[in-house]
Amino acid sequence: MTKIYKILPRSAWAEAQATGVFNGSPVDLADGYIHFSTAAQAQETARRHFAGQADLVVLELEATELGEAIVWEPSRGGDLFPHLYGALETARVRAVHEAPLGPDGVPRLEGLT
């Protein structure tokens, strides 16, 4: 089993829950896939792309449940990152974690495995 994570504003998650589908954030829509990170990658993703942003949540999913729509592609430093080609059904989210800002303004992602 491989858990993957998506950091997003709480308001975007609330909108997705209301419709049952998350189509992606603006950067996801521009790139043509929904960006995810592994537990090992998530904190650096938070630092690079979400510093100073409050009221974030982290969605936890099981990568294998997404089938062929999930593709592992090289990105930052050549690491393979999970990308979802298609919409995310909210029912696939296994857990939602809080991501409070630390004293340095970077969201703290604790308990991701």
C-alpha atoms as a PDB file:
ATOM      1  CA  MET A   1       0.000   0.000   0.000  1.00  0.00           C
ATOM      2  CA  THR A   2       1.264   3.435  -0.923  1.00  0.00           C
ATOM      3  CA  LYS A   3      -0.311   6.456   0.704  1.00  0.00           C
ATOM      4  CA  ILE A   4      -0.235   9.735  -1.210  1.00  0.00           C
ATOM      5  CA  TYR A   5      -1.184  13.227  -0.095  1.00  0.00           C
ATOM      6  CA  LYS A   6      -2.733  16.378  -1.522  1.00  0.00           C
ATOM      7  CA  ILE A   7      -2.360  19.741   0.231  1.00  0.00           C
ATOM      8  CA  LEU A   8      -5.156  22.200  -0.458  1.00  0.00           C
ATOM      9  CA  PRO A   9      -7.144  25.013   1.121  1.00  0.00           C
ATOM     10  CA  ARG A  10      -9.919  23.884   3.446  1.00  0.00           C
ATOM     11  CA  SER A  11     -12.394  25.883   1.306  1.00  0.00           C
ATOM     12  CA  ALA A  12     -11.438  23.885  -1.816  1.00  0.00           C
ATOM     13  CA  TRP A  13     -11.971  20.645   0.095  1.00  0.00           C
ATOM     14  CA  ALA A  14     -15.387  21.861   1.311  1.00  0.00           C
ATOM     15  CA  GLU A  15     -16.377  22.666  -2.287  1.00  0.00           C
ATOM     16  CA  ALA A  16     -15.224  19.214  -3.420  1.00  0.00           C
ATOM     17  CA  GLN A  17     -17.188  17.527  -0.650  1.00  0.00           C
ATOM     18  CA  ALA A  18     -20.324  19.384  -1.720  1.00  0.00           C
ATOM     19  CA  THR A  19     -20.046  18.039  -5.280  1.00  0.00           C
ATOM     20  CA  GLY A  20     -18.317  14.723  -4.571  1.00  0.00           C
ATOM     21  CA  VAL A  21     -15.435  15.559  -6.917  1.00  0.00           C
ATOM     22  CA  PHE A  22     -12.192  17.538  -6.740  1.00  0.00           C
ATOM     23  CA  ASN A  23     -11.082  18.621 -10.209  1.00  0.00           C
ATOM     24  CA  GLY A  24      -7.850  20.222  -9.028  1.00  0.00           C
ATOM     25  CA  SER A  25      -6.387  23.484  -7.877  1.00  0.00           C
ATOM     26  CA  PRO A  26      -5.454  26.190 -10.405  1.00  0.00           C
ATOM     27  CA  VAL A  27      -1.928  24.745 -10.830  1.00  0.00           C
ATOM     28  CA  ASP A  28      -3.367  21.245 -11.291  1.00  0.00           C
ATOM     29  CA  LEU A  29      -5.760  22.477 -13.955  1.00  0.00           C
ATOM     30  CA  ALA A  30      -2.932  24.326 -15.738  1.00  0.00           C
ATOM     31  CA  ASP A  31      -0.675  21.246 -15.682  1.00  0.00           C
ATOM     32  CA  GLY A  32      -3.395  18.792 -16.719  1.00  0.00           C
ATOM     33  CA  TYR A  33      -3.193  16.536 -13.645  1.00  0.00           C
ATOM     34  CA  ILE A  34      -3.656  16.692  -9.884  1.00  0.00           C
ATOM     35  CA  HIS A  35      -0.358  16.924  -8.014  1.00  0.00           C
ATOM     36  CA  PHE A  36       0.203  14.571  -5.080  1.00  0.00           C
ATOM     37  CA  SER A  37       3.197  13.863  -2.835  1.00  0.00           C
ATOM     38  CA  THR A  38       4.379  10.907  -0.821  1.00  0.00           C
ATOM     39  CA  ALA A  39       4.821  11.290   2.940  1.00  0.00           C
ATOM     40  CA  ALA A  40       8.561  11.838   2.368  1.00  0.00           C
ATOM     41  CA  GLN A  41       7.890  14.588  -0.210  1.00  0.00           C
ATOM     42  CA  ALA A  42       4.952  16.374   1.407  1.00  0.00           C
ATOM     43  CA  GLN A  43       6.806  18.634   3.859  1.00  0.00           C
ATOM     44  CA  GLU A  44       9.038  20.049   1.118  1.00  0.00           C
ATOM     45  CA  THR A  45       5.970  20.539  -1.080  1.00  0.00           C
ATOM     46  CA  ALA A  46       4.377  22.470   1.784  1.00  0.00           C
ATOM     47  CA  ARG A  47       7.489  24.625   2.173  1.00  0.00           C
ATOM     48  CA  ARG A  48       7.858  25.373  -1.535  1.00  0.00           C
ATOM     49  CA  HIS A  49       4.249  25.896  -2.542  1.00  0.00           C
ATOM     50  CA  PHE A  50       2.164  26.643   0.563  1.00  0.00           C
ATOM     51  CA  ALA A  51       4.330  28.801   2.873  1.00  0.00           C
ATOM     52  CA  GLY A  52       2.295  31.537   4.515  1.00  0.00           C
ATOM     53  CA  GLN A  53      -1.032  29.941   3.583  1.00  0.00           C
ATOM     54  CA  ALA A  54      -3.281  29.268   6.551  1.00  0.00           C
ATOM     55  CA  ASP A  55      -6.320  26.994   6.817  1.00  0.00           C
ATOM     56  CA  LEU A  56      -4.937  24.125   4.752  1.00  0.00           C
ATOM     57  CA  VAL A  57      -5.786  20.446   4.941  1.00  0.00           C
ATOM     58  CA  VAL A  58      -3.974  17.378   3.664  1.00  0.00           C
ATOM     59  CA  LEU A  59      -5.936  14.633   1.942  1.00  0.00           C
ATOM     60  CA  GLU A  60      -4.694  11.066   2.356  1.00  0.00           C
ATOM     61  CA  LEU A  61      -5.381   8.476  -0.346  1.00  0.00           C
ATOM     62  CA  GLU A  62      -4.238   5.012  -1.285  1.00  0.00           C
ATOM     63  CA  ALA A  63      -2.442   5.281  -4.633  1.00  0.00           C
ATOM     64  CA  THR A  64      -3.254   1.756  -5.777  1.00  0.00           C
ATOM     65  CA  GLU A  65      -6.999   2.470  -5.515  1.00  0.00           C
ATOM     66  CA  LEU A  66      -6.680   5.113  -8.235  1.00  0.00           C
ATOM     67  CA  GLY A  67      -5.664   2.528 -10.834  1.00  0.00           C
ATOM     68  CA  GLU A  68      -4.098   3.608 -14.096  1.00  0.00           C
ATOM     69  CA  ALA A  69      -5.154   7.235 -13.562  1.00  0.00           C
ATOM     70  CA  ILE A  70      -2.194   7.650 -11.168  1.00  0.00           C
ATOM     71  CA  VAL A  71       1.139   8.066 -12.931  1.00  0.00           C
ATOM     72  CA  TRP A  72       4.512   8.382 -11.195  1.00  0.00           C
ATOM     73  CA  GLU A  73       6.569  11.009 -13.015  1.00  0.00           C
ATOM     74  CA  PRO A  74       9.908  12.681 -12.355  1.00  0.00           C
ATOM     75  CA  SER A  75       9.800  16.157 -10.916  1.00  0.00           C
ATOM     76  CA  ARG A  76      11.775  17.983  -8.220  1.00  0.00           C
ATOM     77  CA  GLY A  77      15.326  16.617  -8.148  1.00  0.00           C
ATOM     78  CA  GLY A  78      14.329  13.644 -10.303  1.00  0.00           C
ATOM     79  CA  ASP A  79      12.063  12.204  -7.589  1.00  0.00           C
ATOM     80  CA  LEU A  80       8.993  10.384  -8.843  1.00  0.00           C
ATOM     81  CA  PHE A  81       5.805  12.185  -7.858  1.00  0.00           C
ATOM     82  CA  PRO A  82       2.276  10.782  -8.115  1.00  0.00           C
ATOM     83  CA  HIS A  83       0.074  12.622 -10.602  1.00  0.00           C
ATOM     84  CA  LEU A  84      -3.622  11.897 -11.013  1.00  0.00           C
ATOM     85  CA  TYR A  85      -4.871  12.247 -14.569  1.00  0.00           C
ATOM     86  CA  GLY A  86      -8.554  12.851 -14.019  1.00  0.00           C
ATOM     87  CA  ALA A  87     -10.875  14.062 -11.303  1.00  0.00           C
ATOM     88  CA  LEU A  88     -10.633  12.850  -7.732  1.00  0.00           C
ATOM     89  CA  GLU A  89     -13.784  11.354  -6.272  1.00  0.00           C
ATOM     90  CA  THR A  90     -13.977  12.574  -2.677  1.00  0.00           C
ATOM     91  CA  ALA A  91     -15.126   9.118  -1.528  1.00  0.00           C
ATOM     92  CA  ARG A  92     -11.573   7.874  -2.234  1.00  0.00           C
ATOM     93  CA  VAL A  93     -10.095  10.117   0.479  1.00  0.00           C
ATOM     94  CA  ARG A  94      -9.201   7.954   3.468  1.00  0.00           C
ATOM     95  CA  ALA A  95      -8.319  10.733   5.933  1.00  0.00           C
ATOM     96  CA  VAL A  96      -8.051  14.498   6.162  1.00  0.00           C
ATOM     97  CA  HIS A  97      -5.180  15.927   8.216  1.00  0.00           C
ATOM     98  CA  GLU A  98      -4.751  19.423   9.594  1.00  0.00           C
ATOM     99  CA  ALA A  99      -1.793  21.505   8.357  1.00  0.00           C
ATOM    100  CA  PRO A 100      -1.304  24.358  10.841  1.00  0.00           C
ATOM    101  CA  LEU A 101       1.324  26.976  10.113  1.00  0.00           C
ATOM    102  CA  GLY A 102       4.539  26.609  12.066  1.00  0.00           C
ATOM    103  CA  PRO A 103       6.444  29.572  13.522  1.00  0.00           C
ATOM    104  CA  ASP A 104       8.368  29.835  10.232  1.00  0.00           C
ATOM    105  CA  GLY A 105       5.136  30.207   8.249  1.00  0.00           C
ATOM    106  CA  VAL A 106       5.407  26.731   6.714  1.00  0.00           C
ATOM    107  CA  PRO A 107       2.500  24.318   7.164  1.00  0.00           C
ATOM    108  CA  ARG A 108       3.407  21.537   9.608  1.00  0.00           C
ATOM    109  CA  LEU A 109       2.565  18.124   8.251  1.00  0.00           C
ATOM    110  CA  GLU A 110       2.727  15.683  11.113  1.00  0.00           C
ATOM    111  CA  GLY A 111       1.701  12.072  11.269  1.00  0.00           C
ATOM    112  CA  LEU A 112       1.973  11.320   7.553  1.00  0.00           C
ATOM    113  CA  THR A 113       3.298   7.826   6.901  1.00  0.00           C
END
